[in-house]
Amino acid sequence: MNNKGFSLIELMIVLAIIGVLGAIAYPSYDSYMKKSRRSDAKVALQGMADRQERFYLQNNTYTTNTVNVGGTGTDKNYYALSIASADVNGFALTATAVAGGPQANDTTTNQGDCTVLQLTAAGAKTPNPCW
């Protein structure tokens, strides 16, 4: 009798190998995706800073009203934008990960907490490892 096919043991070994590969690959994939979604905040903060400078040229002060500099959301809606402070001397812009969104738990052991990104008029970017 010549049986063709796979035995149960062979199938279980293949499934175990797939499971191990998946357990190794998923954390790397998740980390990569979070890092790539951070660009949504970075681009939005840079654009908002550009519009703050344009506002300053026209009004001799920076604005605290987000409507004047692009609104409160990023293109992909991963972050909410706000103006932490603004006056004649400068501004501080903040991008905070949307609660319940894919970036809400953007914390990594080597970079720290990346759920809140900030950019100032002087060009300071915090937290530094997240940029």
N, C-alpha and C. Protein backbone atom coordinates (compact mmCIF):
# COMPACT_ATOMS: atom_id res chain seq x y z
N MET A 1 0.85 -1.18 0.00
CA MET A 1 0.00 0.00 0.00
C MET A 1 0.90 1.24 0.00
N ASN A 2 0.71 2.09 -0.98
CA ASN A 2 1.54 3.27 -1.16
C ASN A 2 0.71 4.51 -0.85
N ASN A 3 0.81 5.03 0.38
CA ASN A 3 0.05 6.22 0.79
C ASN A 3 0.81 7.48 0.40
N LYS A 4 0.09 8.43 -0.16
CA LYS A 4 0.68 9.70 -0.52
C LYS A 4 0.02 10.78 0.34
N GLY A 5 0.84 11.72 0.81
CA GLY A 5 0.31 12.80 1.64
C GLY A 5 1.24 13.06 2.81
N PHE A 6 0.76 13.85 3.75
CA PHE A 6 1.55 14.24 4.91
C PHE A 6 0.99 13.56 6.15
N SER A 7 1.88 13.25 7.05
CA SER A 7 1.42 12.69 8.32
C SER A 7 1.05 13.83 9.25
N LEU A 8 0.35 13.52 10.30
CA LEU A 8 -0.05 14.52 11.28
C LEU A 8 1.19 15.15 11.93
N ILE A 9 2.20 14.40 12.18
CA ILE A 9 3.44 14.91 12.78
C ILE A 9 4.09 15.94 11.85
N GLU A 10 4.15 15.65 10.58
CA GLU A 10 4.75 16.59 9.62
C GLU A 10 3.96 17.90 9.58
N LEU A 11 2.66 17.81 9.57
CA LEU A 11 1.84 19.03 9.57
C LEU A 11 2.03 19.83 10.85
N MET A 12 2.13 19.17 11.99
CA MET A 12 2.33 19.86 13.26
C MET A 12 3.69 20.56 13.29
N ILE A 13 4.70 19.94 12.73
CA ILE A 13 6.02 20.56 12.68
C ILE A 13 5.98 21.82 11.81
N VAL A 14 5.34 21.75 10.68
CA VAL A 14 5.21 22.91 9.80
C VAL A 14 4.47 24.04 10.51
N LEU A 15 3.37 23.73 11.19
CA LEU A 15 2.62 24.75 11.93
C LEU A 15 3.45 25.36 13.05
N ALA A 16 4.23 24.56 13.73
CA ALA A 16 5.10 25.08 14.79
C ALA A 16 6.14 26.04 14.23
N ILE A 17 6.72 25.68 13.08
CA ILE A 17 7.71 26.56 12.45
C ILE A 17 7.06 27.88 12.03
N ILE A 18 5.88 27.82 11.46
CA ILE A 18 5.17 29.04 11.05
C ILE A 18 4.87 29.90 12.28
N GLY A 19 4.45 29.27 13.37
CA GLY A 19 4.17 30.01 14.60
C GLY A 19 5.38 30.71 15.16
N VAL A 20 6.52 30.05 15.17
CA VAL A 20 7.76 30.65 15.66
C VAL A 20 8.17 31.82 14.78
N LEU A 21 8.11 31.65 13.47
CA LEU A 21 8.46 32.73 12.55
C LEU A 21 7.54 33.94 12.74
N GLY A 22 6.25 33.67 12.91
CA GLY A 22 5.29 34.75 13.14
C GLY A 22 5.55 35.49 14.45
N ALA A 23 5.89 34.75 15.50
CA ALA A 23 6.17 35.37 16.79
C ALA A 23 7.42 36.24 16.73
N ILE A 24 8.34 35.89 15.89
CA ILE A 24 9.56 36.69 15.74
C ILE A 24 9.30 37.90 14.84
N ALA A 25 8.57 37.73 13.78
CA ALA A 25 8.38 38.78 12.79
C ALA A 25 7.38 39.86 13.22
N TYR A 26 6.33 39.52 13.94
CA TYR A 26 5.28 40.49 14.24
C TYR A 26 5.78 41.69 15.05
N PRO A 27 6.55 41.53 16.11
CA PRO A 27 7.03 42.71 16.84
C PRO A 27 7.84 43.67 15.97
N SER A 28 8.66 43.14 15.09
CA SER A 28 9.43 43.99 14.19
C SER A 28 8.51 44.74 13.24
N TYR A 29 7.53 44.06 12.72
CA TYR A 29 6.56 44.69 11.81
C TYR A 29 5.79 45.79 12.54
N ASP A 30 5.34 45.50 13.75
CA ASP A 30 4.57 46.48 14.53
C ASP A 30 5.42 47.72 14.82
N SER A 31 6.66 47.52 15.19
CA SER A 31 7.56 48.63 15.46
C SER A 31 7.79 49.47 14.20
N TYR A 32 7.99 48.81 13.09
CA TYR A 32 8.19 49.51 11.82
C TYR A 32 6.96 50.34 11.46
N MET A 33 5.78 49.78 11.63
CA MET A 33 4.55 50.50 11.29
C MET A 33 4.37 51.74 12.18
N LYS A 34 4.64 51.62 13.46
CA LYS A 34 4.53 52.78 14.36
C LYS A 34 5.50 53.87 13.95
N LYS A 35 6.71 53.46 13.63
CA LYS A 35 7.72 54.44 13.21
C LYS A 35 7.30 55.13 11.92
N SER A 36 6.75 54.39 10.99
CA SER A 36 6.33 55.00 9.73
C SER A 36 5.13 55.91 9.91
N ARG A 37 4.21 55.57 10.85
CA ARG A 37 3.05 56.43 11.09
C ARG A 37 3.42 57.72 11.81
N ARG A 38 4.59 57.73 12.48
CA ARG A 38 5.05 58.97 13.13
C ARG A 38 5.30 60.06 12.10
N SER A 39 5.59 59.69 10.87
CA SER A 39 5.83 60.69 9.83
C SER A 39 4.59 61.55 9.62
N ASP A 40 3.41 61.03 9.90
CA ASP A 40 2.17 61.81 9.82
C ASP A 40 2.26 63.02 10.75
N ALA A 41 2.74 62.81 11.95
CA ALA A 41 2.88 63.91 12.91
C ALA A 41 4.02 64.85 12.53
N LYS A 42 5.12 64.29 12.09
CA LYS A 42 6.28 65.11 11.74
C LYS A 42 5.97 66.06 10.59
N VAL A 43 5.33 65.55 9.57
CA VAL A 43 4.97 66.37 8.41
C VAL A 43 3.97 67.46 8.82
N ALA A 44 2.99 67.07 9.63
CA ALA A 44 1.98 68.04 10.07
C ALA A 44 2.59 69.13 10.94
N LEU A 45 3.49 68.76 11.85
CA LEU A 45 4.13 69.77 12.70
C LEU A 45 5.01 70.71 11.89
N GLN A 46 5.74 70.18 10.92
CA GLN A 46 6.59 71.03 10.08
C GLN A 46 5.73 72.00 9.26
N GLY A 47 4.62 71.50 8.72
CA GLY A 47 3.72 72.37 7.97
C GLY A 47 3.10 73.44 8.84
N MET A 48 2.72 73.05 10.05
CA MET A 48 2.14 74.01 10.99
C MET A 48 3.18 75.07 11.38
N ALA A 49 4.41 74.67 11.56
CA ALA A 49 5.48 75.62 11.89
C ALA A 49 5.69 76.60 10.73
N ASP A 50 5.65 76.11 9.51
CA ASP A 50 5.77 76.98 8.34
C ASP A 50 4.64 78.01 8.31
N ARG A 51 3.42 77.56 8.60
CA ARG A 51 2.28 78.48 8.60
C ARG A 51 2.35 79.45 9.78
N GLN A 52 2.95 79.04 10.89
CA GLN A 52 3.17 79.96 12.02
C GLN A 52 4.12 81.08 11.59
N GLU A 53 5.18 80.73 10.88
CA GLU A 53 6.12 81.75 10.42
C GLU A 53 5.46 82.72 9.44
N ARG A 54 4.64 82.18 8.56
CA ARG A 54 3.90 83.04 7.63
C ARG A 54 2.97 83.97 8.39
N PHE A 55 2.27 83.44 9.41
CA PHE A 55 1.38 84.25 10.24
C PHE A 55 2.18 85.35 10.94
N TYR A 56 3.36 85.01 11.44
CA TYR A 56 4.20 85.99 12.12
C TYR A 56 4.61 87.13 11.19
N LEU A 57 4.95 86.80 9.95
CA LEU A 57 5.34 87.83 8.98
C LEU A 57 4.21 88.81 8.71
N GLN A 58 2.98 88.34 8.77
CA GLN A 58 1.83 89.19 8.47
C GLN A 58 1.31 89.93 9.71
N ASN A 59 1.52 89.36 10.93
CA ASN A 59 0.90 89.92 12.13
C ASN A 59 1.87 90.27 13.25
N ASN A 60 3.17 90.05 13.05
CA ASN A 60 4.20 90.33 14.06
C ASN A 60 3.99 89.60 15.38
N THR A 61 3.32 88.48 15.36
CA THR A 61 3.15 87.61 16.51
C THR A 61 2.76 86.23 16.01
N TYR A 62 2.99 85.23 16.83
CA TYR A 62 2.55 83.88 16.51
C TYR A 62 1.14 83.68 17.04
N THR A 63 0.39 82.79 16.44
CA THR A 63 -1.00 82.59 16.82
C THR A 63 -1.16 81.38 17.74
N THR A 64 -2.18 81.46 18.59
CA THR A 64 -2.55 80.33 19.44
C THR A 64 -3.76 79.59 18.87
N ASN A 65 -4.29 80.08 17.77
CA ASN A 65 -5.48 79.50 17.15
C ASN A 65 -5.06 78.53 16.05
N THR A 66 -5.34 77.24 16.25
CA THR A 66 -4.92 76.23 15.27
C THR A 66 -5.59 76.41 13.91
N VAL A 67 -6.74 77.03 13.87
CA VAL A 67 -7.43 77.25 12.60
C VAL A 67 -6.58 78.13 11.68
N ASN A 68 -5.83 79.07 12.27
CA ASN A 68 -4.99 79.97 11.47
C ASN A 68 -3.78 79.27 10.87
N VAL A 69 -3.44 78.09 11.37
CA VAL A 69 -2.22 77.42 10.91
C VAL A 69 -2.47 75.97 10.47
N GLY A 70 -3.67 75.66 10.04
CA GLY A 70 -3.90 74.36 9.44
C GLY A 70 -4.88 73.43 10.11
N GLY A 71 -5.34 73.73 11.31
CA GLY A 71 -6.32 72.87 11.95
C GLY A 71 -5.74 71.96 13.01
N THR A 72 -6.57 71.04 13.49
CA THR A 72 -6.20 70.23 14.65
C THR A 72 -5.91 68.77 14.34
N GLY A 73 -5.99 68.37 13.09
CA GLY A 73 -5.76 66.97 12.76
C GLY A 73 -4.68 66.80 11.72
N THR A 74 -4.07 65.63 11.72
CA THR A 74 -3.07 65.30 10.70
C THR A 74 -3.75 64.67 9.50
N ASP A 75 -3.03 64.51 8.41
CA ASP A 75 -3.61 63.95 7.18
C ASP A 75 -4.22 62.57 7.38
N LYS A 76 -3.54 61.71 8.10
CA LYS A 76 -4.01 60.34 8.30
C LYS A 76 -4.80 60.17 9.59
N ASN A 77 -4.95 61.26 10.35
CA ASN A 77 -5.69 61.26 11.62
C ASN A 77 -5.13 60.32 12.67
N TYR A 78 -3.81 60.13 12.67
CA TYR A 78 -3.18 59.36 13.73
C TYR A 78 -2.88 60.25 14.94
N TYR A 79 -2.79 61.57 14.72
CA TYR A 79 -2.43 62.52 15.76
C TYR A 79 -3.38 63.71 15.77
N ALA A 80 -3.53 64.31 16.96
CA ALA A 80 -4.25 65.57 17.11
C ALA A 80 -3.22 66.67 17.33
N LEU A 81 -3.37 67.76 16.62
CA LEU A 81 -2.42 68.87 16.71
C LEU A 81 -2.94 69.96 17.63
N SER A 82 -2.03 70.59 18.34
CA SER A 82 -2.39 71.72 19.20
C SER A 82 -1.20 72.67 19.30
N ILE A 83 -1.49 73.85 19.77
CA ILE A 83 -0.45 74.86 20.00
C ILE A 83 -0.30 74.97 21.50
N ALA A 84 0.82 74.48 22.03
CA ALA A 84 1.04 74.49 23.47
C ALA A 84 1.25 75.91 23.98
N SER A 85 1.95 76.72 23.21
CA SER A 85 2.16 78.12 23.58
C SER A 85 2.54 78.89 22.33
N ALA A 86 2.22 80.17 22.35
CA ALA A 86 2.59 81.06 21.25
C ALA A 86 2.51 82.50 21.73
N ASP A 87 3.52 83.30 21.38
CA ASP A 87 3.52 84.72 21.67
C ASP A 87 4.45 85.40 20.67
N VAL A 88 4.87 86.60 20.96
CA VAL A 88 5.72 87.34 20.05
C VAL A 88 7.09 86.67 19.89
N ASN A 89 7.54 85.96 20.90
CA ASN A 89 8.89 85.41 20.90
C ASN A 89 9.02 84.02 20.30
N GLY A 90 7.93 83.27 20.22
CA GLY A 90 8.04 81.93 19.68
C GLY A 90 6.77 81.11 19.87
N PHE A 91 6.88 79.82 19.58
CA PHE A 91 5.72 78.93 19.71
C PHE A 91 6.20 77.53 20.03
N ALA A 92 5.28 76.73 20.53
CA ALA A 92 5.52 75.31 20.75
C ALA A 92 4.30 74.56 20.23
N LEU A 93 4.52 73.66 19.28
CA LEU A 93 3.45 72.88 18.67
C LEU A 93 3.52 71.45 19.18
N THR A 94 2.36 70.84 19.33
CA THR A 94 2.29 69.48 19.88
C THR A 94 1.42 68.60 19.00
N ALA A 95 1.88 67.38 18.77
CA ALA A 95 1.10 66.35 18.10
C ALA A 95 0.94 65.21 19.09
N THR A 96 -0.32 64.91 19.46
CA THR A 96 -0.61 63.86 20.43
C THR A 96 -1.35 62.73 19.73
N ALA A 97 -0.89 61.51 19.96
CA ALA A 97 -1.52 60.35 19.34
C ALA A 97 -2.99 60.27 19.75
N VAL A 98 -3.85 59.99 18.79
CA VAL A 98 -5.29 59.89 19.05
C VAL A 98 -5.55 58.68 19.94
N ALA A 99 -6.32 58.90 21.01
CA ALA A 99 -6.65 57.82 21.94
C ALA A 99 -7.40 56.71 21.20
N GLY A 100 -6.99 55.49 21.42
CA GLY A 100 -7.62 54.35 20.77
C GLY A 100 -7.14 54.10 19.36
N GLY A 101 -6.30 54.98 18.84
CA GLY A 101 -5.77 54.82 17.49
C GLY A 101 -4.54 53.94 17.47
N PRO A 102 -4.01 53.68 16.29
CA PRO A 102 -2.87 52.77 16.18
C PRO A 102 -1.59 53.31 16.82
N GLN A 103 -1.50 54.62 17.04
CA GLN A 103 -0.30 55.19 17.66
C GLN A 103 -0.47 55.41 19.16
N ALA A 104 -1.60 55.09 19.72
CA ALA A 104 -1.88 55.37 21.13
C ALA A 104 -0.92 54.68 22.08
N ASN A 105 -0.33 53.59 21.68
CA ASN A 105 0.64 52.90 22.54
C ASN A 105 2.02 52.88 21.89
N ASP A 106 2.41 54.00 21.31
CA ASP A 106 3.70 54.10 20.63
C ASP A 106 4.81 54.32 21.65
N THR A 107 5.12 53.29 22.38
CA THR A 107 6.22 53.34 23.33
C THR A 107 7.14 52.17 23.01
N THR A 108 8.41 52.47 22.90
CA THR A 108 9.39 51.43 22.63
C THR A 108 10.51 51.52 23.65
N THR A 109 11.15 50.43 23.92
CA THR A 109 12.17 50.41 24.95
C THR A 109 13.38 51.26 24.59
N ASN A 110 13.73 51.33 23.32
CA ASN A 110 14.91 52.11 22.96
C ASN A 110 14.60 53.57 22.64
N GLN A 111 13.32 53.94 22.48
CA GLN A 111 12.99 55.32 22.14
C GLN A 111 12.14 56.00 23.19
N GLY A 112 11.54 55.27 24.09
CA GLY A 112 10.70 55.88 25.10
C GLY A 112 9.29 56.10 24.57
N ASP A 113 8.62 57.08 25.16
CA ASP A 113 7.24 57.38 24.81
C ASP A 113 7.19 58.32 23.62
N CYS A 114 6.63 57.84 22.53
CA CYS A 114 6.53 58.65 21.31
C CYS A 114 5.07 59.03 21.01
N THR A 115 4.21 59.04 22.00
CA THR A 115 2.81 59.38 21.75
C THR A 115 2.61 60.89 21.66
N VAL A 116 3.56 61.67 22.16
CA VAL A 116 3.47 63.14 22.09
C VAL A 116 4.77 63.66 21.50
N LEU A 117 4.65 64.31 20.34
CA LEU A 117 5.80 64.92 19.67
C LEU A 117 5.64 66.43 19.74
N GLN A 118 6.75 67.13 19.93
CA GLN A 118 6.68 68.59 20.04
C GLN A 118 7.75 69.25 19.19
N LEU A 119 7.39 70.40 18.63
CA LEU A 119 8.29 71.20 17.80
C LEU A 119 8.17 72.65 18.23
N THR A 120 9.30 73.32 18.43
CA THR A 120 9.28 74.73 18.84
C THR A 120 9.76 75.63 17.71
N ALA A 121 9.59 76.93 17.90
CA ALA A 121 10.01 77.90 16.91
C ALA A 121 11.52 77.86 16.70
N ALA A 122 12.27 77.49 17.73
CA ALA A 122 13.72 77.39 17.64
C ALA A 122 14.16 76.12 16.92
N GLY A 123 13.22 75.25 16.58
CA GLY A 123 13.54 74.01 15.88
C GLY A 123 13.79 72.83 16.80
N ALA A 124 13.57 73.01 18.11
CA ALA A 124 13.76 71.91 19.06
C ALA A 124 12.66 70.87 18.85
N LYS A 125 13.08 69.61 18.75
CA LYS A 125 12.14 68.50 18.50
C LYS A 125 12.25 67.52 19.67
N THR A 126 11.13 67.32 20.35
CA THR A 126 11.13 66.39 21.49
C THR A 126 9.99 65.41 21.35
N PRO A 127 10.12 64.22 21.91
CA PRO A 127 11.36 63.63 22.43
C PRO A 127 12.30 63.31 21.28
N ASN A 128 13.56 63.57 21.51
CA ASN A 128 14.57 63.50 20.46
C ASN A 128 14.65 62.15 19.75
N PRO A 129 14.63 61.02 20.45
CA PRO A 129 14.76 59.73 19.73
C PRO A 129 13.59 59.42 18.79
N CYS A 130 12.46 60.05 19.01
CA CYS A 130 11.28 59.77 18.19
C CYS A 130 11.32 60.50 16.86
N TRP A 131 12.17 61.47 16.73
CA TRP A 131 12.28 62.22 15.48
C TRP A 131 13.29 61.54 14.60
